[in-house]
Amino acid sequence: MRTRTIANYGLTVSESKNYLKVEVSDDDALIEALVTASYEQVTAECNRDFFATQYTMSVWSSSGDIFLSTQTVDNVSTGSLKEVNGSWYTYIDSTYSGDISFSVASSGSLPKGVKVAQMMLINNWYENRLPQAFGVSSAPLEFSVNALLSPYKLVKPQ
């Protein structure tokens, strides 16, 4: 589970409306939802968050190193924090069961390529609200978004 506010989803509603060339406020709630969804899609594709975020995970009778993130972890509530080859772990013993909270560091600001990918996703979802569009290919959008996000993707350890 992660905790965040709408201010930390990369784009603002105002920036998105400007990109969409929308001047009225009728669709502000929809555009705000698309901003959130686009950021969630970007973070899922990249296996990372771009802003400082607090996470909580539940652990039951596990011992040893518990993988936390490939992003820099600021602190952890339980166990000892360690970094191995760019991945962050906490060590806990077999008697621990419960929640582990940790926070990842902020990368500062959202890279421009990620913002453009978000805008492309928002535009596509805003303009194509029907479940299927006839005669429309999503291949160029998929290629463009993947190309923009590729430099920011992190690989999770096995």
N, C-alpha and C. Protein backbone atom coordinates (compact mmCIF):
# COMPACT_ATOMS: atom_id res chain seq x y z
N MET A 1 0.85 -1.17 0.00
CA MET A 1 0.00 0.00 0.00
C MET A 1 0.89 1.23 0.00
N ARG A 2 0.54 2.24 -0.79
CA ARG A 2 1.31 3.47 -0.79
C ARG A 2 0.41 4.65 -0.46
N THR A 3 1.02 5.69 0.07
CA THR A 3 0.29 6.88 0.47
C THR A 3 0.78 8.05 -0.35
N ARG A 4 -0.13 8.80 -0.97
CA ARG A 4 0.25 9.98 -1.75
C ARG A 4 -0.94 10.91 -1.90
N THR A 5 -0.68 12.12 -2.38
CA THR A 5 -1.74 13.08 -2.65
C THR A 5 -1.78 13.35 -4.15
N ILE A 6 -2.85 13.96 -4.63
CA ILE A 6 -3.01 14.25 -6.06
C ILE A 6 -1.89 15.15 -6.56
N ALA A 7 -1.29 15.94 -5.71
CA ALA A 7 -0.20 16.82 -6.13
C ALA A 7 1.04 16.04 -6.58
N ASN A 8 1.13 14.78 -6.23
CA ASN A 8 2.30 13.98 -6.56
C ASN A 8 2.05 12.97 -7.68
N TYR A 9 1.23 13.33 -8.65
CA TYR A 9 0.99 12.43 -9.77
C TYR A 9 1.60 12.95 -11.07
N GLY A 10 2.60 13.79 -10.95
CA GLY A 10 3.34 14.23 -12.12
C GLY A 10 2.79 15.47 -12.78
N LEU A 11 1.62 15.38 -13.33
CA LEU A 11 0.99 16.49 -14.04
C LEU A 11 -0.12 17.10 -13.20
N THR A 12 -0.41 18.35 -13.46
CA THR A 12 -1.58 18.98 -12.84
C THR A 12 -2.75 18.89 -13.81
N VAL A 13 -3.93 19.11 -13.31
CA VAL A 13 -5.11 19.15 -14.17
C VAL A 13 -4.96 20.29 -15.18
N SER A 14 -4.41 21.41 -14.73
CA SER A 14 -4.21 22.56 -15.61
C SER A 14 -3.26 22.23 -16.78
N GLU A 15 -2.14 21.57 -16.49
CA GLU A 15 -1.21 21.16 -17.55
C GLU A 15 -1.88 20.20 -18.53
N SER A 16 -2.66 19.28 -17.98
CA SER A 16 -3.34 18.29 -18.82
C SER A 16 -4.39 18.95 -19.70
N LYS A 17 -5.15 19.89 -19.14
CA LYS A 17 -6.16 20.60 -19.93
C LYS A 17 -5.50 21.40 -21.04
N ASN A 18 -4.36 21.99 -20.75
CA ASN A 18 -3.63 22.74 -21.76
C ASN A 18 -3.22 21.81 -22.91
N TYR A 19 -2.69 20.64 -22.59
CA TYR A 19 -2.28 19.67 -23.61
C TYR A 19 -3.48 19.19 -24.43
N LEU A 20 -4.62 18.99 -23.74
CA LEU A 20 -5.84 18.51 -24.41
C LEU A 20 -6.57 19.63 -25.15
N LYS A 21 -6.17 20.87 -24.93
CA LYS A 21 -6.85 22.05 -25.49
C LYS A 21 -8.29 22.14 -24.98
N VAL A 22 -8.46 21.86 -23.68
CA VAL A 22 -9.77 21.95 -23.02
C VAL A 22 -9.77 23.22 -22.19
N GLU A 23 -10.76 24.08 -22.41
CA GLU A 23 -10.82 25.36 -21.72
C GLU A 23 -11.90 25.43 -20.64
N VAL A 24 -12.87 24.53 -20.69
CA VAL A 24 -13.95 24.55 -19.71
C VAL A 24 -13.63 23.60 -18.56
N SER A 25 -14.35 23.75 -17.45
CA SER A 25 -14.08 22.92 -16.28
C SER A 25 -15.02 21.72 -16.16
N ASP A 26 -15.84 21.48 -17.16
CA ASP A 26 -16.83 20.39 -17.10
C ASP A 26 -16.19 19.02 -16.87
N ASP A 27 -15.02 18.79 -17.44
CA ASP A 27 -14.38 17.48 -17.36
C ASP A 27 -13.21 17.44 -16.37
N ASP A 28 -13.13 18.40 -15.46
CA ASP A 28 -12.00 18.44 -14.53
C ASP A 28 -11.87 17.17 -13.70
N ALA A 29 -12.97 16.62 -13.21
CA ALA A 29 -12.91 15.39 -12.40
C ALA A 29 -12.40 14.22 -13.24
N LEU A 30 -12.87 14.13 -14.48
CA LEU A 30 -12.39 13.07 -15.38
C LEU A 30 -10.91 13.24 -15.67
N ILE A 31 -10.49 14.46 -15.96
CA ILE A 31 -9.08 14.71 -16.27
C ILE A 31 -8.21 14.42 -15.06
N GLU A 32 -8.67 14.78 -13.87
CA GLU A 32 -7.92 14.45 -12.64
C GLU A 32 -7.78 12.94 -12.49
N ALA A 33 -8.83 12.19 -12.77
CA ALA A 33 -8.76 10.73 -12.70
C ALA A 33 -7.79 10.18 -13.74
N LEU A 34 -7.76 10.79 -14.93
CA LEU A 34 -6.84 10.34 -15.98
C LEU A 34 -5.38 10.66 -15.62
N VAL A 35 -5.15 11.78 -14.93
CA VAL A 35 -3.81 12.11 -14.44
C VAL A 35 -3.35 11.02 -13.48
N THR A 36 -4.20 10.66 -12.54
CA THR A 36 -3.87 9.62 -11.57
C THR A 36 -3.62 8.29 -12.26
N ALA A 37 -4.52 7.90 -13.16
CA ALA A 37 -4.38 6.63 -13.88
C ALA A 37 -3.11 6.59 -14.72
N SER A 38 -2.79 7.71 -15.37
CA SER A 38 -1.59 7.74 -16.22
C SER A 38 -0.33 7.61 -15.38
N TYR A 39 -0.31 8.23 -14.21
CA TYR A 39 0.85 8.11 -13.34
C TYR A 39 0.98 6.68 -12.82
N GLU A 40 -0.12 6.07 -12.46
CA GLU A 40 -0.09 4.68 -12.01
C GLU A 40 0.39 3.76 -13.12
N GLN A 41 -0.02 4.02 -14.36
CA GLN A 41 0.44 3.22 -15.50
C GLN A 41 1.94 3.39 -15.70
N VAL A 42 2.42 4.62 -15.62
CA VAL A 42 3.84 4.92 -15.79
C VAL A 42 4.67 4.23 -14.70
N THR A 43 4.23 4.32 -13.45
CA THR A 43 5.00 3.70 -12.37
C THR A 43 4.98 2.17 -12.48
N ALA A 44 3.88 1.61 -12.95
CA ALA A 44 3.82 0.16 -13.15
C ALA A 44 4.76 -0.27 -14.27
N GLU A 45 4.78 0.49 -15.36
CA GLU A 45 5.66 0.17 -16.49
C GLU A 45 7.14 0.30 -16.11
N CYS A 46 7.45 1.27 -15.28
CA CYS A 46 8.85 1.55 -14.93
C CYS A 46 9.30 0.82 -13.66
N ASN A 47 8.39 0.17 -12.96
CA ASN A 47 8.71 -0.52 -11.70
C ASN A 47 9.32 0.43 -10.67
N ARG A 48 8.82 1.66 -10.64
CA ARG A 48 9.35 2.63 -9.71
C ARG A 48 8.37 3.78 -9.53
N ASP A 49 8.58 4.51 -8.45
CA ASP A 49 7.85 5.72 -8.19
C ASP A 49 8.82 6.88 -8.39
N PHE A 50 8.34 8.00 -8.84
CA PHE A 50 9.22 9.13 -9.12
C PHE A 50 9.22 10.17 -8.01
N PHE A 51 8.37 10.00 -7.01
CA PHE A 51 8.29 10.94 -5.89
C PHE A 51 8.43 10.18 -4.58
N ALA A 52 8.82 10.88 -3.54
CA ALA A 52 8.94 10.24 -2.23
C ALA A 52 7.59 9.63 -1.85
N THR A 53 7.62 8.39 -1.46
CA THR A 53 6.38 7.66 -1.18
C THR A 53 6.58 6.75 0.02
N GLN A 54 5.56 6.65 0.85
CA GLN A 54 5.57 5.76 2.01
C GLN A 54 4.86 4.47 1.65
N TYR A 55 5.49 3.33 1.88
CA TYR A 55 4.92 2.02 1.60
C TYR A 55 4.76 1.23 2.89
N THR A 56 3.79 0.32 2.90
CA THR A 56 3.61 -0.60 4.01
C THR A 56 3.37 -2.00 3.44
N MET A 57 4.07 -2.98 3.99
CA MET A 57 3.84 -4.37 3.58
C MET A 57 3.68 -5.22 4.83
N SER A 58 2.90 -6.28 4.72
CA SER A 58 2.69 -7.19 5.84
C SER A 58 3.57 -8.42 5.66
N VAL A 59 4.18 -8.86 6.76
CA VAL A 59 5.06 -10.02 6.75
C VAL A 59 4.60 -10.98 7.82
N TRP A 60 4.50 -12.27 7.47
CA TRP A 60 4.11 -13.30 8.43
C TRP A 60 5.20 -14.34 8.55
N SER A 61 5.80 -14.43 9.70
CA SER A 61 6.78 -15.47 10.03
C SER A 61 7.80 -15.67 8.93
N SER A 62 8.36 -14.61 8.46
CA SER A 62 9.39 -14.69 7.44
C SER A 62 10.71 -14.29 8.08
N SER A 63 11.78 -14.86 7.59
CA SER A 63 13.08 -14.46 8.12
C SER A 63 14.04 -14.24 6.97
N GLY A 64 15.09 -13.48 7.26
CA GLY A 64 16.09 -13.20 6.25
C GLY A 64 15.87 -11.85 5.60
N ASP A 65 16.43 -11.71 4.41
CA ASP A 65 16.32 -10.45 3.68
C ASP A 65 14.97 -10.34 2.99
N ILE A 66 14.30 -9.23 3.22
CA ILE A 66 13.01 -8.95 2.58
C ILE A 66 13.26 -7.82 1.57
N PHE A 67 12.97 -8.08 0.28
CA PHE A 67 13.14 -7.07 -0.76
C PHE A 67 12.16 -5.93 -0.54
N LEU A 68 12.66 -4.69 -0.62
CA LEU A 68 11.83 -3.51 -0.47
C LEU A 68 11.66 -2.77 -1.79
N SER A 69 12.75 -2.40 -2.44
CA SER A 69 12.66 -1.54 -3.62
C SER A 69 13.99 -1.49 -4.37
N THR A 70 13.92 -1.09 -5.64
CA THR A 70 15.14 -0.79 -6.38
C THR A 70 15.43 0.70 -6.32
N GLN A 71 14.54 1.47 -5.70
CA GLN A 71 14.78 2.88 -5.47
C GLN A 71 15.42 3.05 -4.11
N THR A 72 16.11 4.15 -3.90
CA THR A 72 16.77 4.39 -2.63
C THR A 72 15.73 4.47 -1.52
N VAL A 73 15.90 3.66 -0.49
CA VAL A 73 14.99 3.64 0.65
C VAL A 73 15.57 4.55 1.73
N ASP A 74 14.74 5.49 2.21
CA ASP A 74 15.19 6.44 3.23
C ASP A 74 15.23 5.81 4.61
N ASN A 75 14.20 5.04 4.95
CA ASN A 75 14.13 4.44 6.28
C ASN A 75 13.20 3.24 6.25
N VAL A 76 13.32 2.40 7.25
CA VAL A 76 12.47 1.23 7.39
C VAL A 76 12.09 1.09 8.85
N SER A 77 10.86 0.67 9.11
CA SER A 77 10.37 0.60 10.48
C SER A 77 10.87 -0.61 11.24
N THR A 78 11.21 -1.68 10.56
CA THR A 78 11.57 -2.94 11.21
C THR A 78 12.79 -3.54 10.52
N GLY A 79 13.69 -4.06 11.31
CA GLY A 79 14.87 -4.71 10.74
C GLY A 79 15.96 -3.71 10.43
N SER A 80 17.01 -4.22 9.80
CA SER A 80 18.13 -3.36 9.43
C SER A 80 18.14 -3.18 7.92
N LEU A 81 18.30 -1.95 7.50
CA LEU A 81 18.25 -1.59 6.09
C LEU A 81 19.60 -1.84 5.44
N LYS A 82 19.58 -2.47 4.25
CA LYS A 82 20.85 -2.64 3.52
C LYS A 82 20.60 -2.58 2.03
N GLU A 83 21.64 -2.15 1.31
CA GLU A 83 21.58 -2.03 -0.15
C GLU A 83 22.55 -3.03 -0.76
N VAL A 84 22.07 -3.81 -1.74
CA VAL A 84 22.90 -4.78 -2.43
C VAL A 84 22.67 -4.62 -3.93
N ASN A 85 23.71 -4.22 -4.65
CA ASN A 85 23.65 -4.08 -6.11
C ASN A 85 22.45 -3.27 -6.59
N GLY A 86 22.17 -2.17 -5.93
CA GLY A 86 21.09 -1.28 -6.36
C GLY A 86 19.70 -1.67 -5.88
N SER A 87 19.59 -2.73 -5.08
CA SER A 87 18.30 -3.13 -4.50
C SER A 87 18.37 -2.98 -2.99
N TRP A 88 17.25 -2.58 -2.41
CA TRP A 88 17.19 -2.32 -0.97
C TRP A 88 16.41 -3.41 -0.27
N TYR A 89 16.94 -3.87 0.88
CA TYR A 89 16.37 -4.96 1.66
C TYR A 89 16.34 -4.58 3.13
N THR A 90 15.51 -5.30 3.88
CA THR A 90 15.58 -5.23 5.33
C THR A 90 15.73 -6.66 5.84
N TYR A 91 16.55 -6.84 6.87
CA TYR A 91 16.74 -8.17 7.45
C TYR A 91 15.88 -8.28 8.70
N ILE A 92 15.08 -9.33 8.76
CA ILE A 92 14.27 -9.59 9.95
C ILE A 92 14.47 -11.04 10.38
N ASP A 93 14.26 -11.31 11.66
CA ASP A 93 14.40 -12.68 12.13
C ASP A 93 13.06 -13.40 12.08
N SER A 94 13.08 -14.70 12.32
CA SER A 94 11.89 -15.55 12.13
C SER A 94 10.78 -15.29 13.15
N THR A 95 11.05 -14.54 14.20
CA THR A 95 10.01 -14.28 15.20
C THR A 95 9.11 -13.11 14.82
N TYR A 96 9.44 -12.38 13.76
CA TYR A 96 8.67 -11.18 13.41
C TYR A 96 7.50 -11.50 12.50
N SER A 97 6.33 -11.02 12.88
CA SER A 97 5.14 -11.01 12.02
C SER A 97 4.49 -9.65 12.20
N GLY A 98 4.14 -9.02 11.11
CA GLY A 98 3.49 -7.71 11.20
C GLY A 98 3.79 -6.85 10.01
N ASP A 99 3.57 -5.56 10.16
CA ASP A 99 3.77 -4.62 9.07
C ASP A 99 5.18 -4.05 9.08
N ILE A 100 5.69 -3.82 7.89
CA ILE A 100 6.96 -3.13 7.70
C ILE A 100 6.64 -1.88 6.88
N SER A 101 7.01 -0.72 7.39
CA SER A 101 6.82 0.53 6.66
C SER A 101 8.17 1.04 6.21
N PHE A 102 8.21 1.59 5.00
CA PHE A 102 9.45 2.19 4.51
C PHE A 102 9.10 3.28 3.52
N SER A 103 10.04 4.20 3.33
CA SER A 103 9.81 5.27 2.38
C SER A 103 10.94 5.29 1.36
N VAL A 104 10.57 5.58 0.11
CA VAL A 104 11.56 5.71 -0.95
C VAL A 104 11.85 7.18 -1.17
N ALA A 105 13.07 7.45 -1.56
CA ALA A 105 13.50 8.82 -1.77
C ALA A 105 12.90 9.39 -3.05
N SER A 106 12.83 10.68 -3.12
CA SER A 106 12.35 11.37 -4.31
C SER A 106 13.48 11.52 -5.30
N SER A 107 13.14 11.38 -6.57
CA SER A 107 14.14 11.63 -7.61
C SER A 107 14.17 13.11 -7.97
N GLY A 108 13.43 13.92 -7.23
CA GLY A 108 13.44 15.37 -7.46
C GLY A 108 12.24 15.84 -8.24
N SER A 109 12.29 15.67 -9.54
CA SER A 109 11.16 16.08 -10.37
C SER A 109 10.91 15.01 -11.43
N LEU A 110 9.76 15.07 -12.01
CA LEU A 110 9.39 14.09 -13.02
C LEU A 110 10.15 14.37 -14.31
N PRO A 111 10.87 13.39 -14.86
CA PRO A 111 11.58 13.62 -16.12
C PRO A 111 10.62 14.00 -17.24
N LYS A 112 11.08 14.84 -18.16
CA LYS A 112 10.23 15.33 -19.25
C LYS A 112 9.67 14.19 -20.10
N GLY A 113 10.47 13.16 -20.36
CA GLY A 113 9.98 12.03 -21.14
C GLY A 113 8.80 11.33 -20.48
N VAL A 114 8.84 11.24 -19.15
CA VAL A 114 7.75 10.61 -18.41
C VAL A 114 6.51 11.49 -18.47
N LYS A 115 6.70 12.82 -18.36
CA LYS A 115 5.56 13.74 -18.46
C LYS A 115 4.89 13.64 -19.84
N VAL A 116 5.71 13.57 -20.89
CA VAL A 116 5.16 13.46 -22.24
C VAL A 116 4.40 12.14 -22.39
N ALA A 117 4.94 11.06 -21.86
CA ALA A 117 4.25 9.76 -21.91
C ALA A 117 2.91 9.86 -21.20
N GLN A 118 2.89 10.50 -20.03
CA GLN A 118 1.64 10.71 -19.31
C GLN A 118 0.64 11.49 -20.16
N MET A 119 1.09 12.57 -20.78
CA MET A 119 0.19 13.39 -21.60
C MET A 119 -0.36 12.60 -22.78
N MET A 120 0.48 11.76 -23.38
CA MET A 120 0.01 10.94 -24.51
C MET A 120 -1.06 9.95 -24.05
N LEU A 121 -0.85 9.34 -22.89
CA LEU A 121 -1.84 8.41 -22.35
C LEU A 121 -3.14 9.13 -22.03
N ILE A 122 -3.03 10.27 -21.37
CA ILE A 122 -4.23 11.05 -21.01
C ILE A 122 -4.99 11.46 -22.26
N ASN A 123 -4.29 11.94 -23.26
CA ASN A 123 -4.95 12.34 -24.51
C ASN A 123 -5.67 11.16 -25.15
N ASN A 124 -5.01 10.03 -25.21
CA ASN A 124 -5.61 8.84 -25.82
C ASN A 124 -6.87 8.41 -25.05
N TRP A 125 -6.76 8.35 -23.74
CA TRP A 125 -7.91 7.93 -22.94
C TRP A 125 -9.05 8.95 -22.97
N TYR A 126 -8.72 10.22 -23.03
CA TYR A 126 -9.74 11.28 -23.07
C TYR A 126 -10.47 11.27 -24.41
N GLU A 127 -9.73 11.14 -25.50
CA GLU A 127 -10.32 11.18 -26.84
C GLU A 127 -11.01 9.88 -27.23
N ASN A 128 -10.61 8.77 -26.66
CA ASN A 128 -11.15 7.45 -27.02
C ASN A 128 -11.79 6.80 -25.80
N ARG A 129 -12.89 7.37 -25.35
CA ARG A 129 -13.54 6.89 -24.13
C ARG A 129 -14.39 5.66 -24.34
N LEU A 130 -14.64 5.31 -25.58
CA LEU A 130 -15.43 4.11 -25.86
C LEU A 130 -14.56 2.87 -25.69
N PRO A 131 -15.17 1.72 -25.37
CA PRO A 131 -14.36 0.52 -25.14
C PRO A 131 -13.60 0.06 -26.36
N GLN A 132 -14.08 0.38 -27.56
CA GLN A 132 -13.36 0.01 -28.77
C GLN A 132 -13.57 1.07 -29.84
N ALA A 133 -12.51 1.34 -30.54
CA ALA A 133 -12.58 2.30 -31.64
C ALA A 133 -12.28 1.54 -32.92
N PHE A 134 -13.16 1.62 -33.88
CA PHE A 134 -12.99 0.88 -35.13
C PHE A 134 -12.03 1.61 -36.05
N GLY A 135 -11.12 0.86 -36.64
CA GLY A 135 -10.18 1.42 -37.60
C GLY A 135 -9.05 2.22 -36.97
N VAL A 136 -8.87 2.11 -35.65
CA VAL A 136 -7.83 2.85 -34.97
C VAL A 136 -6.81 1.85 -34.42
N SER A 137 -5.54 2.09 -34.69
CA SER A 137 -4.47 1.23 -34.18
C SER A 137 -3.81 1.89 -32.98
N SER A 138 -3.57 1.11 -31.94
CA SER A 138 -2.89 1.65 -30.77
C SER A 138 -1.38 1.43 -30.83
N ALA A 139 -0.89 0.77 -31.89
CA ALA A 139 0.54 0.46 -31.99
C ALA A 139 1.42 1.70 -31.93
N PRO A 140 1.13 2.80 -32.65
CA PRO A 140 2.00 3.99 -32.56
C PRO A 140 2.04 4.57 -31.14
N LEU A 141 0.91 4.60 -30.45
CA LEU A 141 0.88 5.11 -29.09
C LEU A 141 1.71 4.22 -28.18
N GLU A 142 1.52 2.92 -28.28
CA GLU A 142 2.26 1.98 -27.44
C GLU A 142 3.76 2.10 -27.68
N PHE A 143 4.16 2.18 -28.95
CA PHE A 143 5.58 2.33 -29.29
C PHE A 143 6.13 3.62 -28.70
N SER A 144 5.42 4.72 -28.87
CA SER A 144 5.88 6.03 -28.39
C SER A 144 6.01 6.06 -26.87
N VAL A 145 5.00 5.56 -26.17
CA VAL A 145 5.03 5.57 -24.71
C VAL A 145 6.17 4.68 -24.21
N ASN A 146 6.34 3.49 -24.79
CA ASN A 146 7.43 2.60 -24.39
C ASN A 146 8.79 3.24 -24.65
N ALA A 147 8.93 3.91 -25.77
CA ALA A 147 10.20 4.57 -26.09
C ALA A 147 10.51 5.69 -25.10
N LEU A 148 9.50 6.44 -24.70
CA LEU A 148 9.70 7.53 -23.74
C LEU A 148 10.03 7.01 -22.34
N LEU A 149 9.43 5.87 -21.95
CA LEU A 149 9.63 5.34 -20.60
C LEU A 149 10.86 4.45 -20.47
N SER A 150 11.34 3.92 -21.57
CA SER A 150 12.44 2.96 -21.55
C SER A 150 13.65 3.39 -20.70
N PRO A 151 14.11 4.63 -20.80
CA PRO A 151 15.29 5.01 -19.99
C PRO A 151 15.05 5.01 -18.49
N TYR A 152 13.80 4.99 -18.07
CA TYR A 152 13.48 5.11 -16.64
C TYR A 152 13.02 3.79 -16.01
N LYS A 153 12.98 2.72 -16.79
CA LYS A 153 12.52 1.43 -16.28
C LYS A 153 13.59 0.78 -15.41
N LEU A 154 13.15 0.25 -14.27
CA LEU A 154 14.01 -0.49 -13.37
C LEU A 154 13.62 -1.96 -13.43
N VAL A 155 14.61 -2.83 -13.34
CA VAL A 155 14.35 -4.27 -13.37
C VAL A 155 14.31 -4.77 -11.95
N LYS A 156 13.24 -5.48 -11.59
CA LYS A 156 13.12 -6.04 -10.24
C LYS A 156 13.94 -7.32 -10.15
N PRO A 157 14.58 -7.54 -9.00
CA PRO A 157 15.33 -8.79 -8.84
C PRO A 157 14.38 -9.97 -8.75
N GLN A 158 14.89 -11.14 -9.12
CA GLN A 158 14.07 -12.36 -9.08
C GLN A 158 13.99 -12.90 -7.68
